[in-house]
C-alpha atoms as a PDB file:
ATOM      1  CA  MET A   1     115.577 118.374 104.113  1.00  0.00           C
ATOM      2  CA  THR A   2     114.504 117.402 100.622  1.00  0.00           C
ATOM      3  CA  LEU A   3     114.565 114.772  97.928  1.00  0.00           C
ATOM      4  CA  ARG A   4     115.248 116.266  94.513  1.00  0.00           C
ATOM      5  CA  ILE A   5     114.288 114.357  91.349  1.00  0.00           C
ATOM      6  CA  ASP A   6     116.031 115.748  88.268  1.00  0.00           C
ATOM      7  CA  ILE A   7     113.507 116.065  85.409  1.00  0.00           C
ATOM      8  CA  SER A   8     115.387 118.621  83.282  1.00  0.00           C
ATOM      9  CA  GLY A   9     114.515 118.083  79.630  1.00  0.00           C
ATOM     10  CA  LEU A  10     112.028 115.339  80.491  1.00  0.00           C
ATOM     11  CA  PRO A  11     108.865 115.403  78.337  1.00  0.00           C
ATOM     12  CA  ALA A  12     105.673 115.991  80.332  1.00  0.00           C
ATOM     13  CA  GLU A  13     104.346 112.593  79.279  1.00  0.00           C
ATOM     14  CA  ARG A  14     107.185 110.903  81.209  1.00  0.00           C
ATOM     15  CA  LEU A  15     105.520 112.095  84.432  1.00  0.00           C
ATOM     16  CA  ARG A  16     102.966 109.369  84.837  1.00  0.00           C
ATOM     17  CA  PHE A  17      99.960 109.231  87.160  1.00  0.00           C
ATOM     18  CA  ALA A  18      98.563 105.703  87.531  1.00  0.00           C
ATOM     19  CA  ALA A  19      97.020 103.347  90.086  1.00  0.00           C
ATOM     20  CA  SER A  20      98.904 100.317  91.398  1.00  0.00           C
ATOM     21  CA  PRO A  21      97.139  97.374  93.086  1.00  0.00           C
ATOM     22  CA  LEU A  22     100.422  96.193  94.640  1.00  0.00           C
ATOM     23  CA  ALA A  23     101.288  99.614  96.056  1.00  0.00           C
ATOM     24  CA  GLU A  24      97.795  99.934  97.567  1.00  0.00           C
ATOM     25  CA  LEU A  25      98.014  96.443  99.053  1.00  0.00           C
ATOM     26  CA  THR A  26     101.353  97.456 100.575  1.00  0.00           C
ATOM     27  CA  ALA A  27      99.701 100.563 102.042  1.00  0.00           C
ATOM     28  CA  MET A  28      97.003  98.355 103.564  1.00  0.00           C
ATOM     29  CA  LEU A  29      99.643  96.055 105.041  1.00  0.00           C
ATOM     30  CA  HIS A  30     101.341  99.094 106.574  1.00  0.00           C
ATOM     31  CA  VAL A  31      98.018 100.087 108.162  1.00  0.00           C
ATOM     32  CA  LEU A  32      97.718  96.596 109.631  1.00  0.00           C
ATOM     33  CA  ALA A  33     101.275  96.796 110.991  1.00  0.00           C
ATOM     34  CA  GLU A  34     101.033 100.404 112.249  1.00  0.00           C
ATOM     35  CA  PRO A  35      97.338 101.147 112.963  1.00  0.00           C
ATOM     36  CA  GLY A  36      98.369 104.075 115.177  1.00  0.00           C
ATOM     37  CA  HIS A  37      99.478 105.945 112.055  1.00  0.00           C
ATOM     38  CA  HIS A  38      95.988 105.584 110.603  1.00  0.00           C
ATOM     39  CA  PRO A  39      93.292 106.057 113.251  1.00  0.00           C
ATOM     40  CA  GLN A  40      90.657 106.475 110.539  1.00  0.00           C
ATOM     41  CA  TYR A  41      91.228 102.828 109.591  1.00  0.00           C
ATOM     42  CA  ALA A  42      91.436 101.387 113.103  1.00  0.00           C
ATOM     43  CA  GLY A  43      88.058  99.695 112.729  1.00  0.00           C
ATOM     44  CA  TRP A  44      88.984  98.246 109.348  1.00  0.00           C
ATOM     45  CA  ALA A  45      92.324  96.973 110.665  1.00  0.00           C
ATOM     46  CA  GLY A  46      90.653  95.367 113.675  1.00  0.00           C
ATOM     47  CA  ASP A  47      88.114  93.606 111.483  1.00  0.00           C
ATOM     48  CA  VAL A  48      90.812  92.330 109.116  1.00  0.00           C
ATOM     49  CA  TRP A  49      92.986  90.964 111.925  1.00  0.00           C
ATOM     50  CA  ALA A  50      89.963  89.309 113.520  1.00  0.00           C
ATOM     51  CA  GLY A  51      89.078  87.567 110.259  1.00  0.00           C
ATOM     52  CA  LEU A  52      92.555  86.368 109.246  1.00  0.00           C
ATOM     53  CA  ARG A  53      93.450  82.727 109.438  1.00  0.00           C
ATOM     54  CA  PRO A  54      96.148  82.240 112.112  1.00  0.00           C
ATOM     55  CA  GLU A  55      98.695  81.038 109.537  1.00  0.00           C
ATOM     56  CA  LEU A  56      98.250  84.138 107.369  1.00  0.00           C
ATOM     57  CA  ALA A  57      98.394  86.430 110.399  1.00  0.00           C
ATOM     58  CA  GLU A  58     101.710  84.846 111.406  1.00  0.00           C
ATOM     59  CA  ARG A  59     103.057  85.235 107.880  1.00  0.00           C
ATOM     60  CA  LEU A  60     102.231  88.958 107.922  1.00  0.00           C
ATOM     61  CA  ARG A  61     104.018  89.416 111.229  1.00  0.00           C
ATOM     62  CA  GLU A  62     107.146  87.605 110.065  1.00  0.00           C
ATOM     63  CA  ALA A  63     107.482  89.743 106.914  1.00  0.00           C
ATOM     64  CA  GLU A  64     106.092  93.050 108.202  1.00  0.00           C
ATOM     65  CA  PHE A  65     109.390  94.915 108.053  1.00  0.00           C
ATOM     66  CA  LEU A  66     108.974  94.886 104.254  1.00  0.00           C
ATOM     67  CA  TRP A  67     106.232  97.485 104.723  1.00  0.00           C
ATOM     68  CA  ARG A  68     106.167  98.621 108.358  1.00  0.00           C
ATOM     69  CA  SER A  69     108.813 101.354 108.789  1.00  0.00           C
ATOM     70  CA  SER A  70     109.570 101.795 105.111  1.00  0.00           C
ATOM     71  CA  ARG A  71     108.428 100.000 101.973  1.00  0.00           C
ATOM     72  CA  ALA A  72     110.639  97.602 100.048  1.00  0.00           C
ATOM     73  CA  ASP A  73     111.115  99.348  96.716  1.00  0.00           C
ATOM     74  CA  PHE A  74     109.789  96.426  94.676  1.00  0.00           C
ATOM     75  CA  LEU A  75     106.416  96.799  96.442  1.00  0.00           C
ATOM     76  CA  VAL A  76     105.901 100.286  94.942  1.00  0.00           C
ATOM     77  CA  PRO A  77     105.948  99.655  91.176  1.00  0.00           C
ATOM     78  CA  ALA A  78     107.238 102.181  88.679  1.00  0.00           C
ATOM     79  CA  ARG A  79     105.209 100.493  85.923  1.00  0.00           C
ATOM     80  CA  PRO A  80     101.768  99.792  87.392  1.00  0.00           C
ATOM     81  CA  ARG A  81      99.702  97.012  85.864  1.00  0.00           C
ATOM     82  CA  PRO A  82      95.926  96.537  85.867  1.00  0.00           C
ATOM     83  CA  THR A  83      96.027  93.553  88.212  1.00  0.00           C
ATOM     84  CA  LEU A  84      97.921  92.469  91.307  1.00  0.00           C
ATOM     85  CA  ALA A  85      98.943  89.227  89.611  1.00  0.00           C
ATOM     86  CA  GLU A  86     100.643  91.078  86.748  1.00  0.00           C
ATOM     87  CA  GLU A  87     102.548  93.289  89.181  1.00  0.00           C
ATOM     88  CA  LEU A  88     103.665  90.266  91.193  1.00  0.00           C
ATOM     89  CA  ASP A  89     104.871  88.711  87.932  1.00  0.00           C
ATOM     90  CA  ASP A  90     107.040  91.810  87.424  1.00  0.00           C
ATOM     91  CA  VAL A  91     108.481  91.409  90.934  1.00  0.00           C
ATOM     92  CA  ASP A  92     109.325  87.788  90.109  1.00  0.00           C
ATOM     93  CA  ARG A  93     111.504  89.041  87.233  1.00  0.00           C
ATOM     94  CA  ILE A  94     113.789  90.985  89.607  1.00  0.00           C
ATOM     95  CA  ASP A  95     117.096  89.190  90.204  1.00  0.00           C
ATOM     96  CA  ASP A  96     117.823  87.779  93.657  1.00  0.00           C
ATOM     97  CA  GLU A  97     120.542  90.278  94.574  1.00  0.00           C
ATOM     98  CA  THR A  98     118.319  93.282  93.798  1.00  0.00           C
ATOM     99  CA  TYR A  99     115.350  91.745  95.620  1.00  0.00           C
ATOM    100  CA  VAL A 100     117.296  90.765  98.740  1.00  0.00           C
ATOM    101  CA  THR A 101     119.142  94.086  98.967  1.00  0.00           C
ATOM    102  CA  ALA A 102     115.865  95.995  98.693  1.00  0.00           C
ATOM    103  CA  ALA A 103     114.136  93.702 101.183  1.00  0.00           C
ATOM    104  CA  LEU A 104     116.809  94.070 103.862  1.00  0.00           C
ATOM    105  CA  ILE A 105     117.316  97.825 103.711  1.00  0.00           C
ATOM    106  CA  THR A 106     115.631  99.249 106.803  1.00  0.00           C
ATOM    107  CA  THR A 107     114.675 102.738 107.883  1.00  0.00           C
ATOM    108  CA  CYS A 108     118.125 103.423 109.331  1.00  0.00           C
ATOM    109  CA  GLY A 109     119.938 102.106 106.270  1.00  0.00           C
ATOM    110  CA  SER A 110     121.797 105.229 105.167  1.00  0.00           C
ATOM    111  CA  ASN A 111     123.155 103.270 102.197  1.00  0.00           C
ATOM    112  CA  ARG A 112     119.703 103.580 100.652  1.00  0.00           C
ATOM    113  CA  VAL A 113     120.197 107.301 100.304  1.00  0.00           C
ATOM    114  CA  HIS A 114     123.838 107.856  99.487  1.00  0.00           C
ATOM    115  CA  PHE A 115     125.070 104.976  97.354  1.00  0.00           C
ATOM    116  CA  ALA A 116     124.231 101.640  95.819  1.00  0.00           C
ATOM    117  CA  ALA A 117     124.736  99.110  98.593  1.00  0.00           C
ATOM    118  CA  PRO A 118     126.560  95.843  97.939  1.00  0.00           C
ATOM    119  CA  SER A 119     124.343  92.784  97.979  1.00  0.00           C
ATOM    120  CA  PRO A 120     124.176  90.889 101.299  1.00  0.00           C
ATOM    121  CA  LEU A 121     124.184  87.738  99.147  1.00  0.00           C
ATOM    122  CA  ALA A 122     127.662  88.541  97.833  1.00  0.00           C
ATOM    123  CA  ASP A 123     129.281  90.801 100.434  1.00  0.00           C
ATOM    124  CA  ALA A 124     130.053  89.462 103.923  1.00  0.00           C
ATOM    125  CA  THR A 125     130.107  92.908 105.539  1.00  0.00           C
ATOM    126  CA  ALA A 126     126.716  93.822 104.060  1.00  0.00           C
ATOM    127  CA  ARG A 127     125.361  90.458 105.209  1.00  0.00           C
ATOM    128  CA  GLU A 128     126.511  90.965 108.793  1.00  0.00           C
ATOM    129  CA  ARG A 129     125.171  94.517 108.847  1.00  0.00           C
ATOM    130  CA  ALA A 130     121.777  93.330 107.594  1.00  0.00           C
ATOM    131  CA  LEU A 131     121.627  90.604 110.234  1.00  0.00           C
ATOM    132  CA  ASP A 132     122.673  93.017 113.002  1.00  0.00           C
ATOM    133  CA  LEU A 133     119.881  95.430 112.055  1.00  0.00           C
ATOM    134  CA  ALA A 134     117.392  92.577 111.788  1.00  0.00           C
ATOM    135  CA  GLN A 135     118.379  91.285 115.238  1.00  0.00           C
ATOM    136  CA  ALA A 136     117.866  94.744 116.747  1.00  0.00           C
ATOM    137  CA  ARG A 137     114.318  94.745 115.372  1.00  0.00           C
ATOM    138  CA  GLY A 138     113.262  91.479 116.919  1.00  0.00           C
ATOM    139  CA  ALA A 139     113.331  87.713 116.617  1.00  0.00           C
ATOM    140  CA  LEU A 140     110.803  87.508 113.777  1.00  0.00           C
ATOM    141  CA  GLN A 141     112.722  89.925 111.569  1.00  0.00           C
ATOM    142  CA  GLU A 142     116.029  88.231 112.382  1.00  0.00           C
ATOM    143  CA  ALA A 143     114.628  84.803 111.454  1.00  0.00           C
ATOM    144  CA  PHE A 144     113.104  86.169 108.238  1.00  0.00           C
ATOM    145  CA  ALA A 145     116.384  87.829 107.224  1.00  0.00           C
ATOM    146  CA  GLU A 146     118.331  84.627 107.898  1.00  0.00           C
ATOM    147  CA  ARG A 147     115.915  82.581 105.753  1.00  0.00           C
ATOM    148  CA  LEU A 148     116.015  85.161 102.960  1.00  0.00           C
ATOM    149  CA  LEU A 149     119.817  85.115 102.850  1.00  0.00           C
ATOM    150  CA  ALA A 150     119.961  81.314 103.023  1.00  0.00           C
ATOM    151  CA  ASP A 151     117.297  80.559 100.388  1.00  0.00           C
ATOM    152  CA  PRO A 152     116.073  83.645  98.471  1.00  0.00           C
ATOM    153  CA  ALA A 153     113.947  81.649  96.025  1.00  0.00           C
ATOM    154  CA  ALA A 154     111.943  79.919  98.749  1.00  0.00           C
ATOM    155  CA  VAL A 155     111.321  83.130 100.693  1.00  0.00           C
ATOM    156  CA  ARG A 156     110.371  85.054  97.547  1.00  0.00           C
ATOM    157  CA  ALA A 157     107.822  82.384  96.676  1.00  0.00           C
ATOM    158  CA  ARG A 158     106.466  82.496 100.233  1.00  0.00           C
ATOM    159  CA  VAL A 159     106.130  86.304 100.142  1.00  0.00           C
ATOM    160  CA  ARG A 160     104.254  86.143  96.840  1.00  0.00           C
ATOM    161  CA  ASP A 161     101.958  83.427  98.165  1.00  0.00           C
ATOM    162  CA  THR A 162     101.324  85.540 101.281  1.00  0.00           C
ATOM    163  CA  LEU A 163     100.352  88.561  99.176  1.00  0.00           C
ATOM    164  CA  GLU A 164      98.061  86.397  97.051  1.00  0.00           C
ATOM    165  CA  GLN A 165      96.389  85.109 100.200  1.00  0.00           C
ATOM    166  CA  CYS A 166      95.928  88.727 101.325  1.00  0.00           C
ATOM    167  CA  ALA A 167      94.094  89.413  98.079  1.00  0.00           C
ATOM    168  CA  GLU A 168      91.564  86.736  98.853  1.00  0.00           C
ATOM    169  CA  ALA A 169      91.316  87.573 102.555  1.00  0.00           C
ATOM    170  CA  PHE A 170      90.789  91.355 102.381  1.00  0.00           C
ATOM    171  CA  PHE A 171      92.490  93.172  99.509  1.00  0.00           C
ATOM    172  CA  ASP A 172      90.106  92.337  96.654  1.00  0.00           C
ATOM    173  CA  ALA A 173      87.101  93.683  98.563  1.00  0.00           C
ATOM    174  CA  ALA A 174      88.951  96.830  99.705  1.00  0.00           C
ATOM    175  CA  TRP A 175      90.392  97.460  96.230  1.00  0.00           C
ATOM    176  CA  ALA A 176      86.906  97.349  94.717  1.00  0.00           C
ATOM    177  CA  ARG A 177      85.856 100.110  97.134  1.00  0.00           C
ATOM    178  CA  VAL A 178      88.835 102.425  96.620  1.00  0.00           C
ATOM    179  CA  ALA A 179      89.320 101.948  92.862  1.00  0.00           C
ATOM    180  CA  VAL A 180      86.675 104.563  92.023  1.00  0.00           C
ATOM    181  CA  GLN A 181      88.288 107.133  94.334  1.00  0.00           C
ATOM    182  CA  LEU A 182      91.702 106.464  92.814  1.00  0.00           C
ATOM    183  CA  ALA A 183      90.313 106.763  89.285  1.00  0.00           C
ATOM    184  CA  THR A 184      88.702 110.099  90.148  1.00  0.00           C
ATOM    185  CA  ASP A 185      91.968 111.437  91.509  1.00  0.00           C
ATOM    186  CA  LEU A 186      93.879 110.232  88.452  1.00  0.00           C
ATOM    187  CA  ARG A 187      91.473 112.005  86.112  1.00  0.00           C
ATOM    188  CA  LEU A 188      92.068 115.243  88.025  1.00  0.00           C
ATOM    189  CA  LYS A 189      95.868 114.870  88.035  1.00  0.00           C
ATOM    190  CA  ASN A 190      96.124 113.942  84.368  1.00  0.00           C
ATOM    191  CA  ASP A 191      93.790 116.770  83.390  1.00  0.00           C
ATOM    192  CA  LEU A 192      95.905 119.278  85.327  1.00  0.00           C
ATOM    193  CA  LEU A 193      99.079 117.887  83.753  1.00  0.00           C
ATOM    194  CA  ARG A 194      97.625 118.181  80.263  1.00  0.00           C
ATOM    195  CA  ARG A 195      95.966 121.578  80.638  1.00  0.00           C
ATOM    196  CA  GLN A 196      98.097 123.476  83.147  1.00  0.00           C
ATOM    197  CA  GLY A 197     101.442 121.714  83.134  1.00  0.00           C
ATOM    198  CA  VAL A 198     103.762 119.928  85.543  1.00  0.00           C
ATOM    199  CA  GLY A 199     103.729 122.605  88.264  1.00  0.00           C
ATOM    200  CA  ALA A 200      99.952 122.524  88.679  1.00  0.00           C
ATOM    201  CA  ALA A 201      99.847 118.722  88.720  1.00  0.00           C
ATOM    202  CA  LEU A 202     102.571 118.521  91.373  1.00  0.00           C
ATOM    203  CA  ALA A 203     100.888 121.181  93.510  1.00  0.00           C
ATOM    204  CA  SER A 204      97.751 119.021  93.593  1.00  0.00           C
ATOM    205  CA  VAL A 205      99.707 115.986  94.811  1.00  0.00           C
ATOM    206  CA  SER A 206     100.801 117.441  98.159  1.00  0.00           C
ATOM    207  CA  GLY A 207     101.981 120.652  99.755  1.00  0.00           C
ATOM    208  CA  ALA A 208     105.282 118.830 100.262  1.00  0.00           C
ATOM    209  CA  VAL A 209     105.801 118.329  96.505  1.00  0.00           C
ATOM    210  CA  THR A 210     106.833 121.295  94.361  1.00  0.00           C
ATOM    211  CA  LEU A 211     108.457 122.076  91.049  1.00  0.00           C
ATOM    212  CA  ALA A 212     111.758 123.961  91.265  1.00  0.00           C
ATOM    213  CA  PRO A 213     111.495 127.556  89.950  1.00  0.00           C
ATOM    214  CA  ASP A 214     113.553 126.691  86.881  1.00  0.00           C
ATOM    215  CA  GLY A 215     111.491 123.563  86.243  1.00  0.00           C
ATOM    216  CA  SER A 216     114.545 121.318  86.451  1.00  0.00           C
ATOM    217  CA  CYS A 217     113.514 119.063  89.330  1.00  0.00           C
ATOM    218  CA  VAL A 218     110.720 117.860  91.571  1.00  0.00           C
ATOM    219  CA  VAL A 219     111.393 118.867  95.184  1.00  0.00           C
ATOM    220  CA  ILE A 220     109.904 116.700  97.958  1.00  0.00           C
ATOM    221  CA  ASP A 221     110.085 117.385 101.682  1.00  0.00           C
ATOM    222  CA  LYS A 222     111.437 114.152 103.152  1.00  0.00           C
ATOM    223  CA  LEU A 223     113.457 112.840 106.071  1.00  0.00           C
ATOM    224  CA  GLN A 224     116.904 113.068 104.468  1.00  0.00           C
ATOM    225  CA  ASP A 225     118.640 115.153 101.830  1.00  0.00           C
ATOM    226  CA  SER A 226     119.027 113.124  98.656  1.00  0.00           C
ATOM    227  CA  ALA A 227     118.822 113.361  94.899  1.00  0.00           C
ATOM    228  CA  THR A 228     118.018 111.109  91.976  1.00  0.00           C
ATOM    229  CA  SER A 229     117.348 111.447  88.274  1.00  0.00           C
ATOM    230  CA  ALA A 230     114.365 110.588  86.130  1.00  0.00           C
ATOM    231  CA  HIS A 231     116.320 110.763  82.865  1.00  0.00           C
ATOM    232  CA  GLY A 232     115.566 107.780  80.665  1.00  0.00           C
ATOM    233  CA  THR A 233     112.883 106.474  83.003  1.00  0.00           C
ATOM    234  CA  GLY A 234     110.489 109.225  84.029  1.00  0.00           C
ATOM    235  CA  VAL A 235     108.637 109.570  87.341  1.00  0.00           C
ATOM    236  CA  THR A 236     105.556 107.617  88.404  1.00  0.00           C
ATOM    237  CA  PHE A 237     102.975 109.061  90.837  1.00  0.00           C
ATOM    238  CA  LEU A 238     100.666 106.579  92.556  1.00  0.00           C
ATOM    239  CA  PRO A 239      97.567 107.769  94.426  1.00  0.00           C
ATOM    240  CA  SER A 240      96.691 105.930  97.627  1.00  0.00           C
ATOM    241  CA  VAL A 241      93.623 105.903  99.839  1.00  0.00           C
ATOM    242  CA  PHE A 242      95.077 103.730 102.599  1.00  0.00           C
ATOM    243  CA  GLY A 243      98.454 105.494 102.489  1.00  0.00           C
ATOM    244  CA  ARG A 244      97.301 108.713 104.152  1.00  0.00           C
ATOM    245  CA  PRO A 245      99.152 110.642 105.593  1.00  0.00           C
ATOM    246  CA  HIS A 246     102.387 109.124 104.256  1.00  0.00           C
ATOM    247  CA  LEU A 247     104.244 110.353 101.196  1.00  0.00           C
ATOM    248  CA  VAL A 248     106.272 107.339 100.071  1.00  0.00           C
ATOM    249  CA  THR A 249     109.173 107.719  97.633  1.00  0.00           C
ATOM    250  CA  VAL A 250     111.364 105.264  95.737  1.00  0.00           C
ATOM    251  CA  HIS A 251     114.679 106.908  94.921  1.00  0.00           C
ATOM    252  CA  ALA A 252     117.463 104.391  95.593  1.00  0.00           C
ATOM    253  CA  PRO A 253     120.136 103.959  92.896  1.00  0.00           C
ATOM    254  CA  GLY A 254     118.972 101.615  90.176  1.00  0.00           C
ATOM    255  CA  TRP A 255     115.258 102.198  90.762  1.00  0.00           C
ATOM    256  CA  GLN A 256     112.953 104.430  88.738  1.00  0.00           C
ATOM    257  CA  PRO A 257     111.648 107.304  90.903  1.00  0.00           C
ATOM    258  CA  VAL A 258     108.159 106.674  92.272  1.00  0.00           C
ATOM    259  CA  VAL A 259     106.006 108.795  94.574  1.00  0.00           C
ATOM    260  CA  GLN A 260     102.985 107.297  96.354  1.00  0.00           C
ATOM    261  CA  TYR A 261     100.797 110.104  97.681  1.00  0.00           C
ATOM    262  CA  PRO A 262      97.576 110.248  99.749  1.00  0.00           C
ATOM    263  CA  VAL A 263      94.427 111.290  97.916  1.00  0.00           C
ATOM    264  CA  ALA A 264      92.462 112.324 101.019  1.00  0.00           C
ATOM    265  CA  GLU A 265      92.869 115.396 103.208  1.00  0.00           C
ATOM    266  CA  PRO A 266      93.856 114.915 106.861  1.00  0.00           C
ATOM    267  CA  GLU A 267      91.203 115.390 109.503  1.00  0.00           C
ATOM    268  CA  PRO A 268      91.431 118.391 111.858  1.00  0.00           C
ATOM    269  CA  SER A 269      93.117 117.834 115.190  1.00  0.00           C
ATOM    270  CA  GLU A 270      91.586 118.469 118.601  1.00  0.00           C
ATOM    271  CA  PRO A 271      92.938 121.410 120.667  1.00  0.00           C
ATOM    272  CA  VAL A 272      95.267 120.801 123.619  1.00  0.00           C
ATOM    273  CA  SER A 273      96.364 123.038 126.497  1.00  0.00           C
ATOM    274  CA  LEU A 274      98.775 125.933 126.024  1.00  0.00           C
ATOM    275  CA  GLU A 275     101.150 124.470 128.622  1.00  0.00           C
ATOM    276  CA  THR A 276     101.283 121.150 126.792  1.00  0.00           C
ATOM    277  CA  VAL A 277     101.814 122.819 123.436  1.00  0.00           C
ATOM    278  CA  THR A 278     104.597 124.998 124.857  1.00  0.00           C
ATOM    279  CA  LEU A 279     106.430 122.052 126.423  1.00  0.00           C
ATOM    280  CA  ARG A 280     106.238 120.008 123.231  1.00  0.00           C
ATOM    281  CA  LEU A 281     107.175 122.807 120.874  1.00  0.00           C
ATOM    282  CA  GLU A 282     110.231 123.551 123.025  1.00  0.00           C
ATOM    283  CA  ALA A 283     111.201 119.898 122.797  1.00  0.00           C
ATOM    284  CA  LEU A 284     110.862 120.020 119.014  1.00  0.00           C
ATOM    285  CA  ALA A 285     112.677 123.341 118.600  1.00  0.00           C
ATOM    286  CA  HIS A 286     116.044 121.589 118.313  1.00  0.00           C
ATOM    287  CA  PRO A 287     116.661 120.371 114.719  1.00  0.00           C
ATOM    288  CA  VAL A 288     118.293 117.124 115.869  1.00  0.00           C
ATOM    289  CA  ARG A 289     115.289 116.222 118.029  1.00  0.00           C
ATOM    290  CA  LEU A 290     112.910 116.930 115.165  1.00  0.00           C
ATOM    291  CA  ARG A 291     115.053 114.742 112.916  1.00  0.00           C
ATOM    292  CA  LEU A 292     114.986 111.915 115.450  1.00  0.00           C
ATOM    293  CA  LEU A 293     111.230 112.251 115.837  1.00  0.00           C
ATOM    294  CA  ARG A 294     110.709 111.997 112.072  1.00  0.00           C
ATOM    295  CA  THR A 295     112.803 108.842 112.020  1.00  0.00           C
ATOM    296  CA  LEU A 296     110.910 107.326 114.949  1.00  0.00           C
ATOM    297  CA  ALA A 297     107.581 108.196 113.336  1.00  0.00           C
ATOM    298  CA  ARG A 298     108.408 105.587 110.706  1.00  0.00           C
ATOM    299  CA  GLY A 299     108.732 102.843 113.316  1.00  0.00           C
ATOM    300  CA  PRO A 300     110.409 101.873 116.605  1.00  0.00           C
ATOM    301  CA  HIS A 301     114.194 102.276 116.812  1.00  0.00           C
ATOM    302  CA  THR A 302     116.937 101.771 119.351  1.00  0.00           C
ATOM    303  CA  THR A 303     119.420 104.450 120.446  1.00  0.00           C
ATOM    304  CA  GLY A 304     122.149 102.641 118.538  1.00  0.00           C
ATOM    305  CA  GLU A 305     120.154 102.590 115.304  1.00  0.00           C
ATOM    306  CA  LEU A 306     119.427 106.310 115.572  1.00  0.00           C
ATOM    307  CA  ALA A 307     123.060 107.086 116.335  1.00  0.00           C
ATOM    308  CA  HIS A 308     124.176 105.121 113.269  1.00  0.00           C
ATOM    309  CA  ALA A 309     121.577 106.706 110.998  1.00  0.00           C
ATOM    310  CA  TRP A 310     122.486 110.287 111.881  1.00  0.00           C
ATOM    311  CA  GLU A 311     126.203 109.846 112.705  1.00  0.00           C
ATOM    312  CA  LEU A 312     125.716 110.931 116.319  1.00  0.00           C
ATOM    313  CA  SER A 313     127.106 109.477 119.531  1.00  0.00           C
ATOM    314  CA  PRO A 314     124.743 107.236 121.542  1.00  0.00           C
ATOM    315  CA  PRO A 315     124.974 109.555 124.621  1.00  0.00           C
ATOM    316  CA  GLU A 316     123.952 112.548 122.480  1.00  0.00           C
ATOM    317  CA  VAL A 317     120.998 110.626 121.066  1.00  0.00           C
ATOM    318  CA  SER A 318     119.998 109.537 124.581  1.00  0.00           C
ATOM    319  CA  ARG A 319     119.939 113.140 125.814  1.00  0.00           C
ATOM    320  CA  HIS A 320     117.665 114.225 122.984  1.00  0.00           C
ATOM    321  CA  LEU A 321     115.378 111.224 123.468  1.00  0.00           C
ATOM    322  CA  ALA A 322     115.074 112.082 127.157  1.00  0.00           C
ATOM    323  CA  VAL A 323     113.811 115.575 126.284  1.00  0.00           C
ATOM    324  CA  LEU A 324     111.241 114.142 123.880  1.00  0.00           C
ATOM    325  CA  ARG A 325     110.116 111.597 126.490  1.00  0.00           C
ATOM    326  CA  ARG A 326     109.657 114.287 129.149  1.00  0.00           C
ATOM    327  CA  ALA A 327     107.433 116.134 126.694  1.00  0.00           C
ATOM    328  CA  GLY A 328     105.319 113.000 126.324  1.00  0.00           C
ATOM    329  CA  LEU A 329     106.166 112.560 122.652  1.00  0.00           C
ATOM    330  CA  LEU A 330     107.912 109.179 122.959  1.00  0.00           C
ATOM    331  CA  THR A 331     107.373 105.884 124.709  1.00  0.00           C
ATOM    332  CA  ALA A 332     110.042 103.248 125.413  1.00  0.00           C
ATOM    333  CA  GLU A 333     109.769  99.480 125.570  1.00  0.00           C
ATOM    334  CA  ARG A 334     112.532  97.064 126.538  1.00  0.00           C
ATOM    335  CA  GLN A 335     112.836  93.935 124.412  1.00  0.00           C
ATOM    336  CA  GLY A 336     115.688  91.774 125.679  1.00  0.00           C
ATOM    337  CA  ARG A 337     118.853  93.848 125.718  1.00  0.00           C
ATOM    338  CA  TYR A 338     117.363  96.521 123.462  1.00  0.00           C
ATOM    339  CA  VAL A 339     115.185  99.523 124.334  1.00  0.00           C
ATOM    340  CA  ARG A 340     113.027 100.576 121.405  1.00  0.00           C
ATOM    341  CA  TYR A 341     111.544 104.063 121.227  1.00  0.00           C
ATOM    342  CA  THR A 342     108.217 104.821 119.578  1.00  0.00           C
ATOM    343  CA  VAL A 343     106.421 108.078 118.783  1.00  0.00           C
ATOM    344  CA  ASN A 344     103.338 108.824 120.891  1.00  0.00           C
ATOM    345  CA  LEU A 345     101.119 109.498 117.881  1.00  0.00           C
ATOM    346  CA  PRO A 346      97.971 110.651 119.716  1.00  0.00           C
ATOM    347  CA  ASP A 347      99.885 113.418 121.519  1.00  0.00           C
ATOM    348  CA  LEU A 348     101.825 114.333 118.407  1.00  0.00           C
ATOM    349  CA  THR A 349      98.522 114.584 116.556  1.00  0.00           C
ATOM    350  CA  ALA A 350      97.253 116.973 119.223  1.00  0.00           C
ATOM    351  CA  LEU A 351      99.930 119.464 118.185  1.00  0.00           C
ATOM    352  CA  GLY A 352      98.355 119.787 114.778  1.00  0.00           C
ATOM    353  CA  THR A 353      97.938 117.967 111.500  1.00  0.00           C
ATOM    354  CA  ASP A 354     100.676 119.962 109.753  1.00  0.00           C
ATOM    355  CA  LEU A 355     103.287 118.771 112.270  1.00  0.00           C
ATOM    356  CA  LEU A 356     101.934 115.235 112.093  1.00  0.00           C
ATOM    357  CA  ALA A 357     102.127 115.250 108.292  1.00  0.00           C
ATOM    358  CA  VAL A 358     105.734 116.484 108.424  1.00  0.00           C
ATOM    359  CA  ALA A 359     106.699 113.762 110.889  1.00  0.00           C
ATOM    360  CA  LEU A 360     105.038 110.936 108.988  1.00  0.00           C
ATOM    361  CA  ARG A 361     106.143 111.818 105.474  1.00  0.00           C
END
């Protein structure tokens, strides 16, 4: 499955490589919310959580679905600015309907891929759907969604204040460390773009990003088949240190295409037994199970959410999840009347970094 970004006739200078403080902060917040995706930063995440004031820690938990399973599009800027404050000013200029719609689209929101969703502020059906999904993800997300729909201005101000507090608490120090690495990567990418063209620059971004043979579009290996256009806007590529191994894309209708890519190479995996590998590869041989695993790798989901996302029946999803659980690739946790399934990342990692990278993209 692929995302295709139409760049036919687009001048090379409209493919932009730049660093974004807000996008890197969002990557750090994802690490804090999903440290299992980023074992290389487990120590950093533990130190940050230990040093956070209780109020800020609670704020991060209440808003974490903005960056946990997928990133709200306004947190991955198409026009990066030199400072976090300037990028937050740009977010403030987004109208309420666009902000709220982007904030409440979750991993299983198929409307993100296929069409421009109506605003939950104006459409009762969209509002109920957003609240149903929020409820399935837990009390904190449900409460946050209800507050956002009731008073967007107050919640937007609170989110900005939270991000500004993060800057003081941990981001400024981390950004100072990674800025040199990002600048080095940008020099390489821009030099390749200037000297060798679009194909060479894209090849250096990731093995999952290629230029179509006719040069008409950027092809990205992602969870779902989709397409967007860069005509009139261009494409922005943002390097990330904390984002490894994820390849984050903004491609919803109305948003300029953005790709946030990891600058570091994944570490080699440790070998596991042949019997274990065989059992797990057999479990992953079915395309539906691999699709479900890739969805679950982005965050915990219920059977109902997975069934809705992939237009399958709940019993069919349950059968596939059972196979993946027997192979040790999933864990399940009951929360009230919901059972949420999560990928067993250590065992998935043991199958190899290529498979892990595919699952987490």
